[in-house]
Amino acid sequence: MIYRSMYMERILPFVDAPFVKILTGVRRCGKSTILLMLQEELKKKGIQERQILSYRFDSLQYEEIKTAPKLYKEIKDHLFPNGRTYLFLDEIQEVSDWEKAVNSFMTDFNVDIFVTGSNSRMMSSEISTYLTGRYISLFVYPLTFSEYLLFRKEYGSVGDRKEEFVRYLRQGGFPAVQLKEYSENEVYTIVRDIYNSTIFSDIVKRNQIRKIDQLERIVKYTFSNIGQTFSALSISKYLKSQNRTMDSETVNSYLDKLERAYIIHRCSRYDIKGKEILKTQEKFYLADPSFCHSVLGYDPDRISNMIENVIYMELRARGYDVYVGKLDTKEIDFVAVRKNEKIYIQAAKEITDIKTEKREYENFLTISDNYPKYVLRLDEFGQSNYEGIRTMHVTDFLLEL
């Protein structure tokens, strides 16, 4: 088990605090393993094995207790009699009315509760109703680039970091695919299974979708246009040109469901001069670049989009709110904000001529504030600074962030 310190450092301060700790994120991103790490940390601090109750509700082992009353009775019957019980409830969204059960545990028993889930029902209005002020949430992402390198060191062999980054762009950061040396086809088979199970369980089954072919068209369009601004209306018009009729309201509904299953993440535009978030022409990024390759097949022409995707997800994992910057008619790839910090980023696979170089740098020159500005590249380059704008290789930025 590779210790994911970024998450443990965020969770451990809340052990024994009177809050339900909710870990959420796309399926197979490592939430269950983080629960195991937490249990090991508790044991190191002297917590007895019998004080820990752990349930994984995506297992048939617990099929008979997937209602709030039955789960309540199960927990009540197995509480530690002489002190606090630590409850670990994995994929809790599989239990009907789980919010009521968890709220009752907090009220009736001496417990500390950790739960995970793989869709945005974990952040729904029901939680707000039953757990208002009594929970903290932590989003878990697939492996960042630095975590990926740790897995490679432990389970494979680590090459030059720039070569490893290319491999990371192609194979992604799902922990399951980095536990041994898989071929690329084997990686995409594993990821496709993650994708299929998410689509079926968290979207089709949960929402009783009958027109699965419509959903698949939206998926393919979105995956093909990662990092491009578009709207539900533009998708609707595109489908109409392909003799497929789907109104923009239906398109929006499918995009929302993909987002709720954490397959895609919405990136809003931010007006840098007006200092306001815009609600039109958003971009979408994938939870992991391997989703795109496993569904559409690998295409080297998409590598620039996948570089953007990796940067966006890394920033999110590091706790930044991330936006596409609008500066009059120009665009800044990312404006990332975290508390009092702000950074501006332009990303490029390569800069091959003066015109491209001018575009990447000049976009920054009219921004009047003094927050850090980066041009991130995958190719080799000469000068590292221009007019206060720092040029970095993408891998250096990801590992220094």
Protein backbone atom coordinates (compact mmCIF):
# COMPACT_ATOMS: atom_id res chain seq x y z
CA MET A 1 0.00 0.00 0.00
CA ILE A 2 1.51 3.32 -1.12
CA TYR A 3 0.88 5.97 1.53
CA ARG A 4 -1.08 8.83 -0.04
CA SER A 5 0.17 11.54 2.27
CA MET A 6 -1.73 14.40 0.61
CA TYR A 7 -5.06 12.90 1.71
CA MET A 8 -3.94 11.50 5.04
CA GLU A 9 -2.62 14.89 6.12
CA ARG A 10 -6.04 16.38 5.40
CA ILE A 11 -8.06 13.68 7.17
CA LEU A 12 -6.04 12.78 10.26
CA PRO A 13 -6.59 16.13 12.05
CA PHE A 14 -10.32 15.32 12.09
CA VAL A 15 -10.02 11.90 13.77
CA ASP A 16 -12.20 11.95 16.91
CA ALA A 17 -13.70 15.29 15.87
CA PRO A 18 -17.53 15.33 15.96
CA PHE A 19 -17.91 15.22 12.17
CA VAL A 20 -18.70 12.52 9.66
CA LYS A 21 -15.69 12.31 7.34
CA ILE A 22 -16.93 11.86 3.74
CA LEU A 23 -14.51 10.78 1.01
CA THR A 24 -15.91 10.97 -2.48
CA GLY A 25 -14.58 10.65 -6.01
CA VAL A 26 -14.74 8.59 -9.19
CA ARG A 27 -14.83 4.81 -8.82
CA ARG A 28 -11.48 3.08 -8.25
CA CYS A 29 -9.57 6.27 -7.48
CA GLY A 30 -8.31 4.85 -4.18
CA LYS A 31 -10.91 5.79 -1.57
CA SER A 32 -11.16 2.27 -0.11
CA THR A 33 -7.40 2.05 0.26
CA ILE A 34 -7.33 5.39 2.08
CA LEU A 35 -9.86 3.95 4.55
CA LEU A 36 -7.48 1.03 5.15
CA MET A 37 -4.62 3.48 5.71
CA LEU A 38 -6.72 5.31 8.27
CA GLN A 39 -7.44 2.07 10.09
CA GLU A 40 -3.71 1.32 10.23
CA GLU A 41 -3.03 4.79 11.62
CA LEU A 42 -5.63 4.26 14.34
CA LYS A 43 -4.02 0.97 15.35
CA LYS A 44 -0.64 2.70 15.60
CA LYS A 45 -2.25 5.12 18.04
CA GLY A 46 -3.44 2.29 20.26
CA ILE A 47 -6.97 1.75 18.98
CA GLN A 48 -7.92 -1.91 19.38
CA GLU A 49 -8.96 -4.05 16.41
CA ARG A 50 -12.38 -4.69 17.96
CA GLN A 51 -13.04 -0.94 18.14
CA ILE A 52 -13.01 -0.80 14.35
CA LEU A 53 -16.05 -1.80 12.27
CA SER A 54 -15.56 -1.83 8.51
CA TYR A 55 -18.16 -2.50 5.80
CA ARG A 56 -17.81 -2.40 2.03
CA PHE A 57 -21.26 -2.10 0.51
CA ASP A 58 -20.29 -2.91 -3.06
CA SER A 59 -19.74 -6.46 -1.79
CA LEU A 60 -22.49 -9.08 -1.71
CA GLN A 61 -21.34 -9.89 1.82
CA TYR A 62 -23.44 -6.96 3.07
CA GLU A 63 -26.36 -7.24 0.65
CA GLU A 64 -28.79 -8.00 3.50
CA ILE A 65 -28.14 -4.78 5.44
CA LYS A 66 -28.50 -2.20 2.66
CA THR A 67 -31.33 -0.30 4.30
CA ALA A 68 -31.03 2.27 7.07
CA PRO A 69 -32.94 0.25 9.74
CA LYS A 70 -30.98 -2.95 9.07
CA LEU A 71 -27.66 -1.12 9.05
CA TYR A 72 -28.59 0.63 12.30
CA LYS A 73 -29.29 -2.72 13.98
CA GLU A 74 -26.08 -4.24 12.60
CA ILE A 75 -23.96 -1.40 13.98
CA LYS A 76 -25.79 -1.34 17.32
CA ASP A 77 -25.18 -5.08 17.79
CA HIS A 78 -21.43 -4.77 17.17
CA LEU A 79 -20.47 -1.59 19.01
CA PHE A 80 -17.37 -1.65 21.22
CA PRO A 81 -18.82 -1.77 24.75
CA ASN A 82 -16.08 0.09 26.62
CA GLY A 83 -15.33 3.14 24.52
CA ARG A 84 -15.49 4.65 21.07
CA THR A 85 -16.20 2.63 17.95
CA TYR A 86 -14.65 3.69 14.63
CA LEU A 87 -17.00 3.08 11.69
CA PHE A 88 -15.69 2.74 8.13
CA LEU A 89 -18.55 2.59 5.63
CA ASP A 90 -17.29 2.12 2.07
CA GLU A 91 -19.55 2.95 -0.93
CA ILE A 92 -22.28 3.98 1.48
CA GLN A 93 -24.52 5.27 -1.32
CA GLU A 94 -25.52 1.63 -1.91
CA VAL A 95 -27.49 1.75 1.36
CA SER A 96 -30.95 3.29 0.99
CA ASP A 97 -31.52 6.29 3.27
CA TRP A 98 -27.95 6.02 4.51
CA GLU A 99 -28.00 9.66 5.60
CA LYS A 100 -30.65 8.87 8.23
CA ALA A 101 -28.64 5.92 9.53
CA VAL A 102 -25.41 7.91 9.80
CA ASN A 103 -27.19 10.77 11.52
CA SER A 104 -28.63 8.30 14.06
CA PHE A 105 -25.19 6.80 14.69
CA MET A 106 -23.86 10.27 15.49
CA THR A 107 -26.76 10.96 17.83
CA ASP A 108 -27.14 7.61 19.58
CA PHE A 109 -23.65 6.09 19.81
CA ASN A 110 -20.08 6.93 20.77
CA VAL A 111 -18.65 6.63 17.26
CA ASP A 112 -16.26 8.25 14.82
CA ILE A 113 -17.48 7.79 11.24
CA PHE A 114 -15.68 7.64 7.91
CA VAL A 115 -17.64 7.03 4.71
CA THR A 116 -16.88 6.90 1.00
CA GLY A 117 -19.03 7.18 -2.10
CA SER A 118 -18.67 7.39 -5.86
CA ASN A 119 -21.32 9.82 -6.99
CA SER A 120 -22.52 13.28 -6.10
CA ARG A 121 -25.47 11.97 -4.11
CA MET A 122 -22.80 12.02 -1.40
CA MET A 123 -23.09 15.83 -1.53
CA SER A 124 -26.84 15.95 -2.02
CA SER A 125 -29.58 17.86 -0.27
CA GLU A 126 -30.29 14.84 1.92
CA ILE A 127 -26.89 15.24 3.55
CA SER A 128 -27.54 18.91 4.10
CA THR A 129 -30.86 18.01 5.73
CA TYR A 130 -29.64 15.29 8.06
CA LEU A 131 -25.99 16.21 8.64
CA THR A 132 -25.95 20.00 8.54
CA GLY A 133 -22.78 21.21 10.22
CA ARG A 134 -21.83 17.65 11.15
CA TYR A 135 -19.71 16.51 8.23
CA ILE A 136 -16.57 17.42 6.32
CA SER A 137 -15.99 16.30 2.76
CA LEU A 138 -12.79 15.42 0.94
CA PHE A 139 -12.60 14.73 -2.77
CA VAL A 140 -10.19 11.95 -3.79
CA TYR A 141 -8.66 11.95 -7.27
CA PRO A 142 -6.75 9.35 -9.27
CA LEU A 143 -2.99 9.50 -8.80
CA THR A 144 -1.27 12.83 -9.31
CA PHE A 145 1.96 12.68 -11.31
CA SER A 146 4.11 12.58 -8.16
CA GLU A 147 1.95 9.76 -6.72
CA TYR A 148 2.19 7.94 -10.05
CA LEU A 149 5.99 8.06 -9.80
CA LEU A 150 5.82 6.55 -6.30
CA PHE A 151 3.73 3.66 -7.65
CA ARG A 152 6.13 3.17 -10.54
CA LYS A 153 9.05 3.04 -8.12
CA GLU A 154 7.30 0.46 -5.94
CA TYR A 155 5.66 -1.77 -8.55
CA GLY A 156 7.60 -1.20 -11.76
CA SER A 157 10.65 0.71 -12.86
CA VAL A 158 10.99 4.47 -13.08
CA GLY A 159 12.56 5.95 -16.18
CA ASP A 160 13.34 9.53 -17.10
CA ARG A 161 10.60 11.74 -15.69
CA LYS A 162 9.76 13.18 -19.12
CA GLU A 163 9.36 9.67 -20.54
CA GLU A 164 7.28 8.73 -17.52
CA PHE A 165 5.05 11.73 -18.11
CA VAL A 166 4.30 10.57 -21.65
CA ARG A 167 3.42 7.16 -20.22
CA TYR A 168 1.24 8.87 -17.59
CA LEU A 169 -0.60 10.78 -20.34
CA ARG A 170 -1.35 7.50 -22.09
CA GLN A 171 -2.11 5.23 -19.12
CA GLY A 172 -3.47 7.66 -16.56
CA GLY A 173 -3.49 7.54 -12.79
CA PHE A 174 -5.96 4.90 -11.67
CA PRO A 175 -4.07 3.03 -8.91
CA ALA A 176 -5.23 -0.37 -10.20
CA VAL A 177 -3.35 0.01 -13.49
CA GLN A 178 -0.06 0.89 -11.76
CA LEU A 179 0.19 -2.13 -9.47
CA LYS A 180 2.18 -4.07 -12.07
CA GLU A 181 3.61 -3.71 -15.57
CA TYR A 182 0.51 -3.94 -17.75
CA SER A 183 0.54 -3.54 -21.50
CA GLU A 184 -1.35 -0.55 -22.85
CA ASN A 185 -4.18 -2.78 -24.10
CA GLU A 186 -4.46 -4.35 -20.63
CA VAL A 187 -4.57 -0.88 -19.05
CA TYR A 188 -7.40 0.22 -21.33
CA THR A 189 -9.30 -3.01 -20.62
CA ILE A 190 -9.14 -2.26 -16.88
CA VAL A 191 -10.12 1.38 -17.36
CA ARG A 192 -12.93 0.49 -19.72
CA ASP A 193 -14.32 -1.78 -17.00
CA ILE A 194 -14.19 1.14 -14.52
CA TYR A 195 -15.94 3.34 -17.08
CA ASN A 196 -18.62 0.74 -17.89
CA SER A 197 -19.41 0.03 -14.25
CA THR A 198 -19.69 3.76 -13.54
CA ILE A 199 -21.93 4.38 -16.54
CA PHE A 200 -24.19 1.46 -15.68
CA SER A 201 -24.41 1.81 -11.88
CA ASP A 202 -24.18 5.55 -11.35
CA ILE A 203 -25.91 6.81 -14.47
CA VAL A 204 -28.03 4.28 -16.41
CA LYS A 205 -29.34 2.22 -13.48
CA ARG A 206 -29.67 5.07 -10.99
CA ASN A 207 -31.47 7.35 -13.45
CA GLN A 208 -33.37 4.57 -15.29
CA ILE A 209 -32.03 5.73 -18.65
CA ARG A 210 -33.50 3.88 -21.60
CA LYS A 211 -31.87 5.68 -24.53
CA ILE A 212 -28.35 4.53 -23.82
CA ASP A 213 -27.28 5.32 -27.39
CA GLN A 214 -28.00 9.00 -26.72
CA LEU A 215 -25.79 8.94 -23.65
CA GLU A 216 -23.00 7.29 -25.63
CA ARG A 217 -23.14 10.03 -28.27
CA ILE A 218 -22.79 12.71 -25.61
CA VAL A 219 -19.86 10.83 -24.07
CA LYS A 220 -18.04 10.54 -27.39
CA TYR A 221 -18.60 14.18 -28.26
CA THR A 222 -17.45 15.38 -24.84
CA PHE A 223 -14.39 13.11 -24.77
CA SER A 224 -13.46 14.23 -28.30
CA ASN A 225 -13.65 17.89 -27.26
CA ILE A 226 -11.84 17.86 -23.93
CA GLY A 227 -10.33 21.29 -23.32
CA GLN A 228 -12.56 22.97 -25.92
CA THR A 229 -15.28 25.44 -25.02
CA PHE A 230 -18.73 24.25 -26.01
CA SER A 231 -22.32 24.37 -24.87
CA ALA A 232 -25.27 22.03 -24.80
CA LEU A 233 -26.69 24.00 -27.72
CA SER A 234 -23.56 23.46 -29.81
CA ILE A 235 -23.72 19.71 -29.11
CA SER A 236 -27.39 19.68 -30.06
CA LYS A 237 -26.59 21.44 -33.36
CA TYR A 238 -23.74 19.03 -34.05
CA LEU A 239 -25.97 16.01 -33.48
CA LYS A 240 -28.61 17.54 -35.75
CA SER A 241 -25.98 17.82 -38.51
CA GLN A 242 -25.44 14.08 -38.04
CA ASN A 243 -29.19 13.47 -38.40
CA ARG A 244 -29.52 12.83 -34.67
CA THR A 245 -32.11 14.94 -32.89
CA MET A 246 -31.52 15.87 -29.25
CA ASP A 247 -32.57 19.15 -27.65
CA SER A 248 -30.14 21.15 -25.53
CA GLU A 249 -32.09 20.42 -22.33
CA THR A 250 -31.56 16.69 -22.83
CA VAL A 251 -27.88 17.26 -23.61
CA ASN A 252 -27.50 19.28 -20.41
CA SER A 253 -29.16 16.49 -18.47
CA TYR A 254 -26.65 13.92 -19.75
CA LEU A 255 -23.68 16.21 -19.07
CA ASP A 256 -24.96 16.75 -15.56
CA LYS A 257 -25.23 13.00 -14.98
CA LEU A 258 -21.68 12.42 -16.24
CA GLU A 259 -20.51 15.14 -13.90
CA ARG A 260 -22.41 13.67 -10.97
CA ALA A 261 -20.68 10.34 -11.57
CA TYR A 262 -17.35 12.23 -11.52
CA ILE A 263 -16.40 11.06 -15.02
CA ILE A 264 -16.14 14.66 -16.20
CA HIS A 265 -15.41 17.92 -14.38
CA ARG A 266 -16.81 21.27 -15.43
CA CYS A 267 -14.42 24.21 -15.75
CA SER A 268 -16.18 27.58 -15.85
CA ARG A 269 -14.80 30.69 -17.50
CA TYR A 270 -13.56 33.59 -15.38
CA ASP A 271 -13.57 37.18 -16.60
CA ILE A 272 -10.18 38.41 -15.41
CA LYS A 273 -11.02 42.10 -15.81
CA GLY A 274 -14.58 41.90 -14.54
CA LYS A 275 -13.59 39.41 -11.81
CA GLU A 276 -16.69 37.31 -12.25
CA ILE A 277 -17.44 33.69 -13.12
CA LEU A 278 -19.21 33.28 -16.46
CA LYS A 279 -21.88 30.64 -17.04
CA THR A 280 -21.47 30.13 -20.78
CA GLN A 281 -19.01 28.30 -23.01
CA GLU A 282 -17.53 26.14 -20.28
CA LYS A 283 -14.89 23.46 -20.74
CA PHE A 284 -14.92 19.89 -19.48
CA TYR A 285 -12.06 17.70 -18.33
CA LEU A 286 -11.91 14.00 -17.54
CA ALA A 287 -11.31 12.44 -14.15
CA ASP A 288 -8.42 10.61 -15.82
CA PRO A 289 -6.95 10.81 -19.35
CA SER A 290 -7.16 7.03 -19.70
CA PHE A 291 -10.95 7.34 -19.93
CA CYS A 292 -10.54 9.05 -23.29
CA HIS A 293 -8.08 6.48 -24.65
CA SER A 294 -10.09 3.50 -23.44
CA VAL A 295 -13.37 4.76 -24.95
CA LEU A 296 -12.17 6.43 -28.16
CA GLY A 297 -8.82 4.73 -28.70
CA TYR A 298 -5.43 6.40 -28.40
CA ASP A 299 -4.88 9.31 -30.80
CA PRO A 300 -1.59 11.29 -30.64
CA ASP A 301 -3.43 14.34 -31.95
CA ARG A 302 -5.19 14.61 -28.58
CA ILE A 303 -1.98 14.89 -26.56
CA SER A 304 -2.24 18.68 -26.15
CA ASN A 305 -5.75 18.25 -24.74
CA MET A 306 -4.52 15.55 -22.36
CA ILE A 307 -1.69 17.80 -21.12
CA GLU A 308 -4.32 20.40 -20.24
CA ASN A 309 -6.41 17.67 -18.63
CA VAL A 310 -3.54 16.53 -16.40
CA ILE A 311 -2.71 20.09 -15.35
CA TYR A 312 -6.35 20.81 -14.54
CA MET A 313 -6.79 17.67 -12.43
CA GLU A 314 -3.46 18.23 -10.64
CA LEU A 315 -4.55 21.73 -9.66
CA ARG A 316 -7.88 20.42 -8.43
CA ALA A 317 -6.18 17.69 -6.39
CA ARG A 318 -3.95 20.34 -4.82
CA GLY A 319 -6.99 22.24 -3.62
CA TYR A 320 -7.26 24.98 -6.25
CA ASP A 321 -10.47 26.27 -7.77
CA VAL A 322 -9.69 26.31 -11.48
CA TYR A 323 -11.18 28.42 -14.26
CA VAL A 324 -10.61 29.22 -17.92
CA GLY A 325 -9.46 32.84 -18.03
CA LYS A 326 -11.25 35.31 -20.31
CA LEU A 327 -9.30 38.48 -21.09
CA ASP A 328 -11.33 40.52 -23.57
CA THR A 329 -11.16 38.34 -26.71
CA LYS A 330 -8.15 36.34 -25.47
CA GLU A 331 -8.10 33.18 -23.41
CA ILE A 332 -5.82 32.06 -20.58
CA ASP A 333 -5.81 28.27 -20.25
CA PHE A 334 -6.15 28.30 -16.47
CA VAL A 335 -6.67 30.71 -13.61
CA ALA A 336 -6.15 28.76 -10.39
CA VAL A 337 -7.18 30.18 -7.01
CA ARG A 338 -6.50 28.80 -3.52
CA LYS A 339 -7.20 31.03 -0.53
CA ASN A 340 -5.07 34.13 -1.17
CA GLU A 341 -3.05 32.50 -3.95
CA LYS A 342 -3.64 32.90 -7.66
CA ILE A 343 -1.67 31.57 -10.61
CA TYR A 344 -2.09 31.91 -14.36
CA ILE A 345 -1.13 29.07 -16.71
CA GLN A 346 -0.70 28.61 -20.45
CA ALA A 347 -0.02 25.04 -21.58
CA ALA A 348 1.54 23.92 -24.86
CA LYS A 349 2.73 20.63 -26.24
CA GLU A 350 5.42 22.52 -28.13
CA ILE A 351 6.19 25.99 -29.41
CA THR A 352 7.62 25.68 -32.90
CA ASP A 353 7.52 29.22 -34.24
CA ILE A 354 7.58 32.88 -33.26
CA LYS A 355 3.85 33.29 -33.90
CA THR A 356 2.94 30.53 -31.42
CA GLU A 357 5.44 31.84 -28.88
CA LYS A 358 4.05 35.36 -29.20
CA ARG A 359 0.50 34.08 -28.63
CA GLU A 360 1.38 32.07 -25.52
CA TYR A 361 3.27 34.93 -23.85
CA GLU A 362 1.36 37.98 -25.02
CA ASN A 363 -1.85 36.73 -23.47
CA PHE A 364 -0.22 37.32 -20.10
CA LEU A 365 1.27 40.75 -20.76
CA THR A 366 -2.00 42.66 -20.41
CA ILE A 367 -2.78 41.15 -16.99
CA SER A 368 -1.95 43.94 -14.57
CA ASP A 369 -1.61 42.04 -11.30
CA ASN A 370 1.59 40.47 -9.98
CA TYR A 371 0.43 36.90 -9.42
CA PRO A 372 2.71 34.16 -10.84
CA LYS A 373 2.36 33.37 -14.54
CA TYR A 374 3.56 30.15 -16.16
CA VAL A 375 3.99 28.83 -19.66
CA LEU A 376 4.19 25.04 -19.40
CA ARG A 377 5.72 23.06 -22.25
CA LEU A 378 6.42 19.47 -23.16
CA ASP A 379 9.23 20.28 -25.59
CA GLU A 380 12.74 21.59 -24.97
CA PHE A 381 13.21 25.35 -24.73
CA GLY A 382 15.81 28.00 -24.14
CA GLN A 383 15.12 30.98 -21.87
CA SER A 384 13.10 30.20 -18.75
CA ASN A 385 11.73 33.68 -18.06
CA TYR A 386 10.24 36.42 -20.21
CA GLU A 387 8.85 39.67 -18.80
CA GLY A 388 8.36 37.93 -15.44
CA ILE A 389 6.58 34.96 -17.04
CA ARG A 390 8.17 31.69 -16.00
CA THR A 391 8.62 28.94 -18.57
CA MET A 392 8.73 25.39 -17.18
CA HIS A 393 8.58 21.86 -18.42
CA VAL A 394 5.17 20.43 -17.46
CA THR A 395 6.76 17.75 -15.27
CA ASP A 396 8.78 20.29 -13.26
CA PHE A 397 5.64 22.29 -12.56
CA LEU A 398 3.64 19.24 -11.50
CA LEU A 399 6.35 18.07 -9.12
CA GLU A 400 6.99 21.52 -7.63
CA LEU A 401 3.33 22.50 -7.18
